[in-house]
Amino acid sequence: MTYKIDNAIIKKDVNGKITLIDPENVFADEDAFIAIKSDDLITIQLLINGIINNDFKSWRELGKIPETEPLKSLFVRLGYSKEDIATMIKEF
């Protein structure tokens, strides 16, 4: 079971005008949006899918994670290789 976060692109031109690029029309009835960097969105989706699949090697071994550490580094700390992450991304 794979979980997908509905998303679209928010683009800002040189004059500051914001345009929503939503080819699937997922946000047609929405009045407000949140912007998240693309790599952070992918990381969040991978984390959610890892939790759903109970796929994490051992959360307890992580210990305290510094607040300054990027979310993306969790995969490395959990013991995932680049190949493991590439496989998870292909599931999208």
PDB file of N, CA and C in Angstrom:
ATOM      1  N   MET A   1       0.846  -1.175   0.000  1.00  0.00           N
ATOM      2  CA  MET A   1       0.000   0.000   0.000  1.00  0.00           C
ATOM      3  C   MET A   1       0.892   1.238   0.000  1.00  0.00           C
ATOM      4  N   THR A   2       0.720   2.080  -0.981  1.00  0.00           N
ATOM      5  CA  THR A   2       1.504   3.305  -1.078  1.00  0.00           C
ATOM      6  C   THR A   2       0.605   4.503  -0.837  1.00  0.00           C
ATOM      7  N   TYR A   3       1.097   5.441  -0.054  1.00  0.00           N
ATOM      8  CA  TYR A   3       0.359   6.662   0.259  1.00  0.00           C
ATOM      9  C   TYR A   3       0.911   7.788  -0.594  1.00  0.00           C
ATOM     10  N   LYS A   4       0.030   8.574  -1.222  1.00  0.00           N
ATOM     11  CA  LYS A   4       0.471   9.689  -2.051  1.00  0.00           C
ATOM     12  C   LYS A   4      -0.124  10.982  -1.514  1.00  0.00           C
ATOM     13  N   ILE A   5       0.705  11.967  -1.314  1.00  0.00           N
ATOM     14  CA  ILE A   5       0.253  13.285  -0.892  1.00  0.00           C
ATOM     15  C   ILE A   5      -0.142  14.052  -2.139  1.00  0.00           C
ATOM     16  N   ASP A   6      -1.403  14.529  -2.195  1.00  0.00           N
ATOM     17  CA  ASP A   6      -1.823  15.349  -3.327  1.00  0.00           C
ATOM     18  C   ASP A   6      -0.925  16.582  -3.390  1.00  0.00           C
ATOM     19  N   ASN A   7      -0.440  16.901  -4.581  1.00  0.00           N
ATOM     20  CA  ASN A   7       0.432  18.059  -4.706  1.00  0.00           C
ATOM     21  C   ASN A   7       0.293  18.700  -6.076  1.00  0.00           C
ATOM     22  N   ALA A   8       0.711  19.938  -6.151  1.00  0.00           N
ATOM     23  CA  ALA A   8       0.748  20.708  -7.390  1.00  0.00           C
ATOM     24  C   ALA A   8       1.956  21.632  -7.275  1.00  0.00           C
ATOM     25  N   ILE A   9       2.221  22.381  -8.312  1.00  0.00           N
ATOM     26  CA  ILE A   9       3.360  23.298  -8.308  1.00  0.00           C
ATOM     27  C   ILE A   9       2.851  24.723  -8.135  1.00  0.00           C
ATOM     28  N   ILE A  10       3.507  25.463  -7.271  1.00  0.00           N
ATOM     29  CA  ILE A  10       3.215  26.882  -7.107  1.00  0.00           C
ATOM     30  C   ILE A  10       4.402  27.630  -7.703  1.00  0.00           C
ATOM     31  N   LYS A  11       4.141  28.420  -8.746  1.00  0.00           N
ATOM     32  CA  LYS A  11       5.214  29.109  -9.452  1.00  0.00           C
ATOM     33  C   LYS A  11       5.065  30.617  -9.259  1.00  0.00           C
ATOM     34  N   LYS A  12       6.185  31.281  -8.976  1.00  0.00           N
ATOM     35  CA  LYS A  12       6.178  32.734  -8.803  1.00  0.00           C
ATOM     36  C   LYS A  12       7.013  33.355  -9.913  1.00  0.00           C
ATOM     37  N   ASP A  13       6.431  34.337 -10.624  1.00  0.00           N
ATOM     38  CA  ASP A  13       7.172  34.986 -11.698  1.00  0.00           C
ATOM     39  C   ASP A  13       8.016  36.139 -11.138  1.00  0.00           C
ATOM     40  N   VAL A  14       8.742  36.830 -12.011  1.00  0.00           N
ATOM     41  CA  VAL A  14       9.649  37.898 -11.590  1.00  0.00           C
ATOM     42  C   VAL A  14       8.921  39.065 -10.923  1.00  0.00           C
ATOM     43  N   ASN A  15       7.634  39.219 -11.188  1.00  0.00           N
ATOM     44  CA  ASN A  15       6.849  40.292 -10.578  1.00  0.00           C
ATOM     45  C   ASN A  15       6.189  39.868  -9.268  1.00  0.00           C
ATOM     46  N   GLY A  16       6.390  38.613  -8.870  1.00  0.00           N
ATOM     47  CA  GLY A  16       5.821  38.125  -7.616  1.00  0.00           C
ATOM     48  C   GLY A  16       4.447  37.501  -7.756  1.00  0.00           C
ATOM     49  N   LYS A  17       3.917  37.420  -8.980  1.00  0.00           N
ATOM     50  CA  LYS A  17       2.614  36.808  -9.203  1.00  0.00           C
ATOM     51  C   LYS A  17       2.728  35.298  -9.024  1.00  0.00           C
ATOM     52  N   ILE A  18       1.806  34.736  -8.246  1.00  0.00           N
ATOM     53  CA  ILE A  18       1.789  33.301  -7.969  1.00  0.00           C
ATOM     54  C   ILE A  18       0.802  32.618  -8.914  1.00  0.00           C
ATOM     55  N   THR A  19       1.244  31.505  -9.521  1.00  0.00           N
ATOM     56  CA  THR A  19       0.391  30.710 -10.392  1.00  0.00           C
ATOM     57  C   THR A  19       0.393  29.271  -9.894  1.00  0.00           C
ATOM     58  N   LEU A  20      -0.796  28.688  -9.791  1.00  0.00           N
ATOM     59  CA  LEU A  20      -0.921  27.288  -9.391  1.00  0.00           C
ATOM     60  C   LEU A  20      -0.941  26.419 -10.642  1.00  0.00           C
ATOM     61  N   ILE A  21      -0.014  25.483 -10.720  1.00  0.00           N
ATOM     62  CA  ILE A  21       0.027  24.538 -11.830  1.00  0.00           C
ATOM     63  C   ILE A  21      -0.498  23.208 -11.282  1.00  0.00           C
ATOM     64  N   ASP A  22      -1.726  22.871 -11.674  1.00  0.00           N
ATOM     65  CA  ASP A  22      -2.439  21.729 -11.119  1.00  0.00           C
ATOM     66  C   ASP A  22      -3.104  20.944 -12.248  1.00  0.00           C
ATOM     67  N   PRO A  23      -2.320  20.187 -13.036  1.00  0.00           N
ATOM     68  CA  PRO A  23      -2.868  19.509 -14.208  1.00  0.00           C
ATOM     69  C   PRO A  23      -3.998  18.526 -13.900  1.00  0.00           C
ATOM     70  N   GLU A  24      -3.983  17.933 -12.711  1.00  0.00           N
ATOM     71  CA  GLU A  24      -5.019  16.961 -12.356  1.00  0.00           C
ATOM     72  C   GLU A  24      -6.219  17.629 -11.687  1.00  0.00           C
ATOM     73  N   ASN A  25      -6.173  18.954 -11.528  1.00  0.00           N
ATOM     74  CA  ASN A  25      -7.262  19.734 -10.940  1.00  0.00           C
ATOM     75  C   ASN A  25      -7.639  19.269  -9.529  1.00  0.00           C
ATOM     76  N   VAL A  26      -6.644  18.821  -8.786  1.00  0.00           N
ATOM     77  CA  VAL A  26      -6.854  18.324  -7.426  1.00  0.00           C
ATOM     78  C   VAL A  26      -7.290  19.450  -6.488  1.00  0.00           C
ATOM     79  N   PHE A  27      -6.823  20.659  -6.746  1.00  0.00           N
ATOM     80  CA  PHE A  27      -7.053  21.768  -5.828  1.00  0.00           C
ATOM     81  C   PHE A  27      -8.098  22.765  -6.337  1.00  0.00           C
ATOM     82  N   ALA A  28      -8.970  22.327  -7.224  1.00  0.00           N
ATOM     83  CA  ALA A  28      -9.959  23.221  -7.835  1.00  0.00           C
ATOM     84  C   ALA A  28     -10.849  23.916  -6.808  1.00  0.00           C
ATOM     85  N   ASP A  29     -11.203  23.242  -5.737  1.00  0.00           N
ATOM     86  CA  ASP A  29     -12.118  23.804  -4.744  1.00  0.00           C
ATOM     87  C   ASP A  29     -11.409  24.327  -3.496  1.00  0.00           C
ATOM     88  N   GLU A  30     -10.098  24.408  -3.527  1.00  0.00           N
ATOM     89  CA  GLU A  30      -9.333  24.846  -2.360  1.00  0.00           C
ATOM     90  C   GLU A  30      -9.096  26.350  -2.399  1.00  0.00           C
ATOM     91  N   ASP A  31      -9.122  26.971  -1.216  1.00  0.00           N
ATOM     92  CA  ASP A  31      -8.891  28.413  -1.104  1.00  0.00           C
ATOM     93  C   ASP A  31      -7.490  28.755  -0.603  1.00  0.00           C
ATOM     94  N   ALA A  32      -6.841  27.811   0.075  1.00  0.00           N
ATOM     95  CA  ALA A  32      -5.525  28.077   0.660  1.00  0.00           C
ATOM     96  C   ALA A  32      -4.589  26.907   0.357  1.00  0.00           C
ATOM     97  N   PHE A  33      -3.307  27.216   0.259  1.00  0.00           N
ATOM     98  CA  PHE A  33      -2.308  26.213  -0.073  1.00  0.00           C
ATOM     99  C   PHE A  33      -1.094  26.364   0.837  1.00  0.00           C
ATOM    100  N   ILE A  34      -0.311  25.299   0.917  1.00  0.00           N
ATOM    101  CA  ILE A  34       0.961  25.329   1.639  1.00  0.00           C
ATOM    102  C   ILE A  34       2.045  24.983   0.622  1.00  0.00           C
ATOM    103  N   ALA A  35       3.136  25.708   0.634  1.00  0.00           N
ATOM    104  CA  ALA A  35       4.247  25.416  -0.267  1.00  0.00           C
ATOM    105  C   ALA A  35       5.314  24.625   0.499  1.00  0.00           C
ATOM    106  N   ILE A  36       5.772  23.532  -0.104  1.00  0.00           N
ATOM    107  CA  ILE A  36       6.824  22.692   0.475  1.00  0.00           C
ATOM    108  C   ILE A  36       7.823  22.413  -0.640  1.00  0.00           C
ATOM    109  N   LYS A  37       9.114  22.484  -0.338  1.00  0.00           N
ATOM    110  CA  LYS A  37      10.136  22.184  -1.335  1.00  0.00           C
ATOM    111  C   LYS A  37       9.948  20.751  -1.848  1.00  0.00           C
ATOM    112  N   SER A  38      10.238  20.558  -3.122  1.00  0.00           N
ATOM    113  CA  SER A  38      10.015  19.259  -3.772  1.00  0.00           C
ATOM    114  C   SER A  38      10.731  18.115  -3.068  1.00  0.00           C
ATOM    115  N   ASP A  39      12.004  18.304  -2.738  1.00  0.00           N
ATOM    116  CA  ASP A  39      12.728  17.199  -2.106  1.00  0.00           C
ATOM    117  C   ASP A  39      12.187  16.898  -0.713  1.00  0.00           C
ATOM    118  N   ASP A  40      11.676  17.909  -0.009  1.00  0.00           N
ATOM    119  CA  ASP A  40      11.067  17.668   1.299  1.00  0.00           C
ATOM    120  C   ASP A  40       9.751  16.906   1.152  1.00  0.00           C
ATOM    121  N   LEU A  41       8.974  17.222   0.111  1.00  0.00           N
ATOM    122  CA  LEU A  41       7.723  16.518  -0.138  1.00  0.00           C
ATOM    123  C   LEU A  41       7.988  15.043  -0.413  1.00  0.00           C
ATOM    124  N   ILE A  42       8.977  14.761  -1.234  1.00  0.00           N
ATOM    125  CA  ILE A  42       9.331  13.368  -1.532  1.00  0.00           C
ATOM    126  C   ILE A  42       9.777  12.664  -0.265  1.00  0.00           C
ATOM    127  N   THR A  43      10.587  13.340   0.555  1.00  0.00           N
ATOM    128  CA  THR A  43      11.050  12.756   1.810  1.00  0.00           C
ATOM    129  C   THR A  43       9.876  12.432   2.716  1.00  0.00           C
ATOM    130  N   ILE A  44       8.921  13.341   2.838  1.00  0.00           N
ATOM    131  CA  ILE A  44       7.746  13.113   3.680  1.00  0.00           C
ATOM    132  C   ILE A  44       6.951  11.917   3.160  1.00  0.00           C
ATOM    133  N   GLN A  45       6.748  11.841   1.844  1.00  0.00           N
ATOM    134  CA  GLN A  45       6.018  10.716   1.274  1.00  0.00           C
ATOM    135  C   GLN A  45       6.739   9.401   1.541  1.00  0.00           C
ATOM    136  N   LEU A  46       8.059   9.395   1.399  1.00  0.00           N
ATOM    137  CA  LEU A  46       8.825   8.176   1.670  1.00  0.00           C
ATOM    138  C   LEU A  46       8.731   7.774   3.136  1.00  0.00           C
ATOM    139  N   LEU A  47       8.806   8.760   4.039  1.00  0.00           N
ATOM    140  CA  LEU A  47       8.684   8.456   5.459  1.00  0.00           C
ATOM    141  C   LEU A  47       7.315   7.868   5.794  1.00  0.00           C
ATOM    142  N   ILE A  48       6.264   8.471   5.250  1.00  0.00           N
ATOM    143  CA  ILE A  48       4.914   7.955   5.494  1.00  0.00           C
ATOM    144  C   ILE A  48       4.788   6.528   4.975  1.00  0.00           C
ATOM    145  N   ASN A  49       5.283   6.288   3.762  1.00  0.00           N
ATOM    146  CA  ASN A  49       5.211   4.938   3.209  1.00  0.00           C
ATOM    147  C   ASN A  49       6.050   3.949   4.011  1.00  0.00           C
ATOM    148  N   GLY A  50       7.191   4.392   4.515  1.00  0.00           N
ATOM    149  CA  GLY A  50       8.009   3.531   5.361  1.00  0.00           C
ATOM    150  C   GLY A  50       7.286   3.164   6.644  1.00  0.00           C
ATOM    151  N   ILE A  51       6.574   4.122   7.220  1.00  0.00           N
ATOM    152  CA  ILE A  51       5.808   3.866   8.443  1.00  0.00           C
ATOM    153  C   ILE A  51       4.646   2.921   8.142  1.00  0.00           C
ATOM    154  N   ILE A  52       3.909   3.181   7.060  1.00  0.00           N
ATOM    155  CA  ILE A  52       2.781   2.327   6.681  1.00  0.00           C
ATOM    156  C   ILE A  52       3.241   0.890   6.444  1.00  0.00           C
ATOM    157  N   ASN A  53       4.377   0.749   5.773  1.00  0.00           N
ATOM    158  CA  ASN A  53       4.906  -0.582   5.464  1.00  0.00           C
ATOM    159  C   ASN A  53       5.683  -1.183   6.630  1.00  0.00           C
ATOM    160  N   ASN A  54       5.817  -0.425   7.722  1.00  0.00           N
ATOM    161  CA  ASN A  54       6.607  -0.855   8.877  1.00  0.00           C
ATOM    162  C   ASN A  54       7.993  -1.286   8.414  1.00  0.00           C
ATOM    163  N   ASP A  55       8.572  -0.495   7.526  1.00  0.00           N
ATOM    164  CA  ASP A  55       9.786  -0.859   6.825  1.00  0.00           C
ATOM    165  C   ASP A  55      11.052  -0.328   7.489  1.00  0.00           C
ATOM    166  N   PHE A  56      10.933   0.479   8.535  1.00  0.00           N
ATOM    167  CA  PHE A  56      12.129   1.054   9.127  1.00  0.00           C
ATOM    168  C   PHE A  56      12.893   0.035   9.944  1.00  0.00           C
ATOM    169  N   LYS A  57      14.195   0.085   9.794  1.00  0.00           N
ATOM    170  CA  LYS A  57      15.044  -0.911  10.430  1.00  0.00           C
ATOM    171  C   LYS A  57      15.013  -0.802  11.951  1.00  0.00           C
ATOM    172  N   SER A  58      15.189   0.387  12.508  1.00  0.00           N
ATOM    173  CA  SER A  58      15.070   0.539  13.957  1.00  0.00           C
ATOM    174  C   SER A  58      15.086   2.011  14.336  1.00  0.00           C
ATOM    175  N   TRP A  59      13.892   2.520  14.676  1.00  0.00           N
ATOM    176  CA  TRP A  59      13.787   3.919  15.093  1.00  0.00           C
ATOM    177  C   TRP A  59      14.519   4.149  16.410  1.00  0.00           C
ATOM    178  N   ARG A  60      14.523   3.175  17.276  1.00  0.00           N
ATOM    179  CA  ARG A  60      15.125   3.337  18.609  1.00  0.00           C
ATOM    180  C   ARG A  60      16.623   3.605  18.542  1.00  0.00           C
ATOM    181  N   GLU A  61      17.277   3.070  17.537  1.00  0.00           N
ATOM    182  CA  GLU A  61      18.726   3.238  17.399  1.00  0.00           C
ATOM    183  C   GLU A  61      19.115   4.661  17.018  1.00  0.00           C
ATOM    184  N   LEU A  62      18.152   5.450  16.545  1.00  0.00           N
ATOM    185  CA  LEU A  62      18.460   6.814  16.122  1.00  0.00           C
ATOM    186  C   LEU A  62      18.870   7.706  17.282  1.00  0.00           C
ATOM    187  N   GLY A  63      18.294   7.449  18.451  1.00  0.00           N
ATOM    188  CA  GLY A  63      18.573   8.330  19.581  1.00  0.00           C
ATOM    189  C   GLY A  63      17.989   9.710  19.328  1.00  0.00           C
ATOM    190  N   LYS A  64      18.539  10.707  19.978  1.00  0.00           N
ATOM    191  CA  LYS A  64      18.056  12.075  19.815  1.00  0.00           C
ATOM    192  C   LYS A  64      18.604  12.640  18.508  1.00  0.00           C
ATOM    193  N   ILE A  65      17.698  13.194  17.713  1.00  0.00           N
ATOM    194  CA  ILE A  65      18.084  13.775  16.421  1.00  0.00           C
ATOM    195  C   ILE A  65      18.173  15.287  16.582  1.00  0.00           C
ATOM    196  N   PRO A  66      19.322  15.880  16.271  1.00  0.00           N
ATOM    197  CA  PRO A  66      19.456  17.335  16.393  1.00  0.00           C
ATOM    198  C   PRO A  66      18.450  18.062  15.501  1.00  0.00           C
ATOM    199  N   GLU A  67      17.885  19.149  16.004  1.00  0.00           N
ATOM    200  CA  GLU A  67      16.889  19.915  15.247  1.00  0.00           C
ATOM    201  C   GLU A  67      17.477  20.513  13.969  1.00  0.00           C
ATOM    202  N   THR A  68      18.790  20.699  13.943  1.00  0.00           N
ATOM    203  CA  THR A  68      19.430  21.296  12.770  1.00  0.00           C
ATOM    204  C   THR A  68      19.678  20.270  11.658  1.00  0.00           C
ATOM    205  N   GLU A  69      19.480  18.995  11.962  1.00  0.00           N
ATOM    206  CA  GLU A  69      19.723  17.944  10.972  1.00  0.00           C
ATOM    207  C   GLU A  69      18.551  17.868   9.988  1.00  0.00           C
ATOM    208  N   PRO A  70      18.828  17.833   8.675  1.00  0.00           N
ATOM    209  CA  PRO A  70      17.735  17.777   7.702  1.00  0.00           C
ATOM    210  C   PRO A  70      16.973  16.457   7.786  1.00  0.00           C
ATOM    211  N   LEU A  71      15.690  16.533   7.499  1.00  0.00           N
ATOM    212  CA  LEU A  71      14.816  15.360   7.529  1.00  0.00           C
ATOM    213  C   LEU A  71      15.335  14.253   6.618  1.00  0.00           C
ATOM    214  N   LYS A  72      15.914  14.652   5.483  1.00  0.00           N
ATOM    215  CA  LYS A  72      16.422  13.685   4.513  1.00  0.00           C
ATOM    216  C   LYS A  72      17.467  12.742   5.110  1.00  0.00           C
ATOM    217  N   SER A  73      18.197  13.220   6.100  1.00  0.00           N
ATOM    218  CA  SER A  73      19.272  12.406   6.673  1.00  0.00           C
ATOM    219  C   SER A  73      18.744  11.224   7.480  1.00  0.00           C
ATOM    220  N   LEU A  74      17.445  11.220   7.795  1.00  0.00           N
ATOM    221  CA  LEU A  74      16.874  10.093   8.535  1.00  0.00           C
ATOM    222  C   LEU A  74      17.087   8.773   7.802  1.00  0.00           C
ATOM    223  N   PHE A  75      16.958   8.793   6.475  1.00  0.00           N
ATOM    224  CA  PHE A  75      17.118   7.556   5.724  1.00  0.00           C
ATOM    225  C   PHE A  75      18.513   6.967   5.894  1.00  0.00           C
ATOM    226  N   VAL A  76      19.517   7.818   5.847  1.00  0.00           N
ATOM    227  CA  VAL A  76      20.899   7.357   6.030  1.00  0.00           C
ATOM    228  C   VAL A  76      21.070   6.822   7.447  1.00  0.00           C
ATOM    229  N   ARG A  77      20.544   7.551   8.426  1.00  0.00           N
ATOM    230  CA  ARG A  77      20.657   7.114   9.820  1.00  0.00           C
ATOM    231  C   ARG A  77      19.894   5.829  10.093  1.00  0.00           C
ATOM    232  N   LEU A  78      18.819   5.585   9.315  1.00  0.00           N
ATOM    233  CA  LEU A  78      18.052   4.348   9.473  1.00  0.00           C
ATOM    234  C   LEU A  78      18.690   3.175   8.733  1.00  0.00           C
ATOM    235  N   GLY A  79      19.787   3.447   8.015  1.00  0.00           N
ATOM    236  CA  GLY A  79      20.525   2.376   7.369  1.00  0.00           C
ATOM    237  C   GLY A  79      20.172   2.129   5.916  1.00  0.00           C
ATOM    238  N   TYR A  80      19.409   3.049   5.303  1.00  0.00           N
ATOM    239  CA  TYR A  80      19.054   2.873   3.909  1.00  0.00           C
ATOM    240  C   TYR A  80      20.210   3.299   3.003  1.00  0.00           C
ATOM    241  N   SER A  81      20.410   2.539   1.930  1.00  0.00           N
ATOM    242  CA  SER A  81      21.410   2.904   0.928  1.00  0.00           C
ATOM    243  C   SER A  81      20.736   3.752  -0.148  1.00  0.00           C
ATOM    244  N   LYS A  82      21.540   4.315  -1.042  1.00  0.00           N
ATOM    245  CA  LYS A  82      20.980   5.066  -2.172  1.00  0.00           C
ATOM    246  C   LYS A  82      20.080   4.161  -3.014  1.00  0.00           C
ATOM    247  N   GLU A  83      20.473   2.909  -3.148  1.00  0.00           N
ATOM    248  CA  GLU A  83      19.681   1.958  -3.929  1.00  0.00           C
ATOM    249  C   GLU A  83      18.331   1.700  -3.270  1.00  0.00           C
ATOM    250  N   ASP A  84      18.324   1.585  -1.939  1.00  0.00           N
ATOM    251  CA  ASP A  84      17.068   1.390  -1.207  1.00  0.00           C
ATOM    252  C   ASP A  84      16.124   2.564  -1.430  1.00  0.00           C
ATOM    253  N   ILE A  85      16.669   3.776  -1.346  1.00  0.00           N
ATOM    254  CA  ILE A  85      15.850   4.980  -1.527  1.00  0.00           C
ATOM    255  C   ILE A  85      15.344   5.064  -2.959  1.00  0.00           C
ATOM    256  N   ALA A  86      16.189   4.727  -3.937  1.00  0.00           N
ATOM    257  CA  ALA A  86      15.772   4.731  -5.340  1.00  0.00           C
ATOM    258  C   ALA A  86      14.627   3.751  -5.565  1.00  0.00           C
ATOM    259  N   THR A  87      14.689   2.595  -4.937  1.00  0.00           N
ATOM    260  CA  THR A  87      13.612   1.603  -5.047  1.00  0.00           C
ATOM    261  C   THR A  87      12.316   2.146  -4.474  1.00  0.00           C
ATOM    262  N   MET A  88      12.388   2.821  -3.323  1.00  0.00           N
ATOM    263  CA  MET A  88      11.185   3.399  -2.713  1.00  0.00           C
ATOM    264  C   MET A  88      10.581   4.479  -3.602  1.00  0.00           C
ATOM    265  N   ILE A  89      11.434   5.306  -4.213  1.00  0.00           N
ATOM    266  CA  ILE A  89      10.946   6.370  -5.084  1.00  0.00           C
ATOM    267  C   ILE A  89      10.247   5.780  -6.315  1.00  0.00           C
ATOM    268  N   LYS A  90      10.751   4.666  -6.830  1.00  0.00           N
ATOM    269  CA  LYS A  90      10.147   4.034  -8.003  1.00  0.00           C
ATOM    270  C   LYS A  90       8.729   3.559  -7.712  1.00  0.00           C
ATOM    271  N   GLU A  91       8.385   3.343  -6.436  1.00  0.00           N
ATOM    272  CA  GLU A  91       7.049   2.879  -6.075  1.00  0.00           C
ATOM    273  C   GLU A  91       5.995   3.944  -6.335  1.00  0.00           C
ATOM    274  N   PHE A  92       6.400   5.203  -6.516  1.00  0.00           N
ATOM    275  CA  PHE A  92       5.444   6.270  -6.815  1.00  0.00           C
ATOM    276  C   PHE A  92       4.981   6.074  -8.203  1.00  0.00           C
TER     277      PHE A  92
END
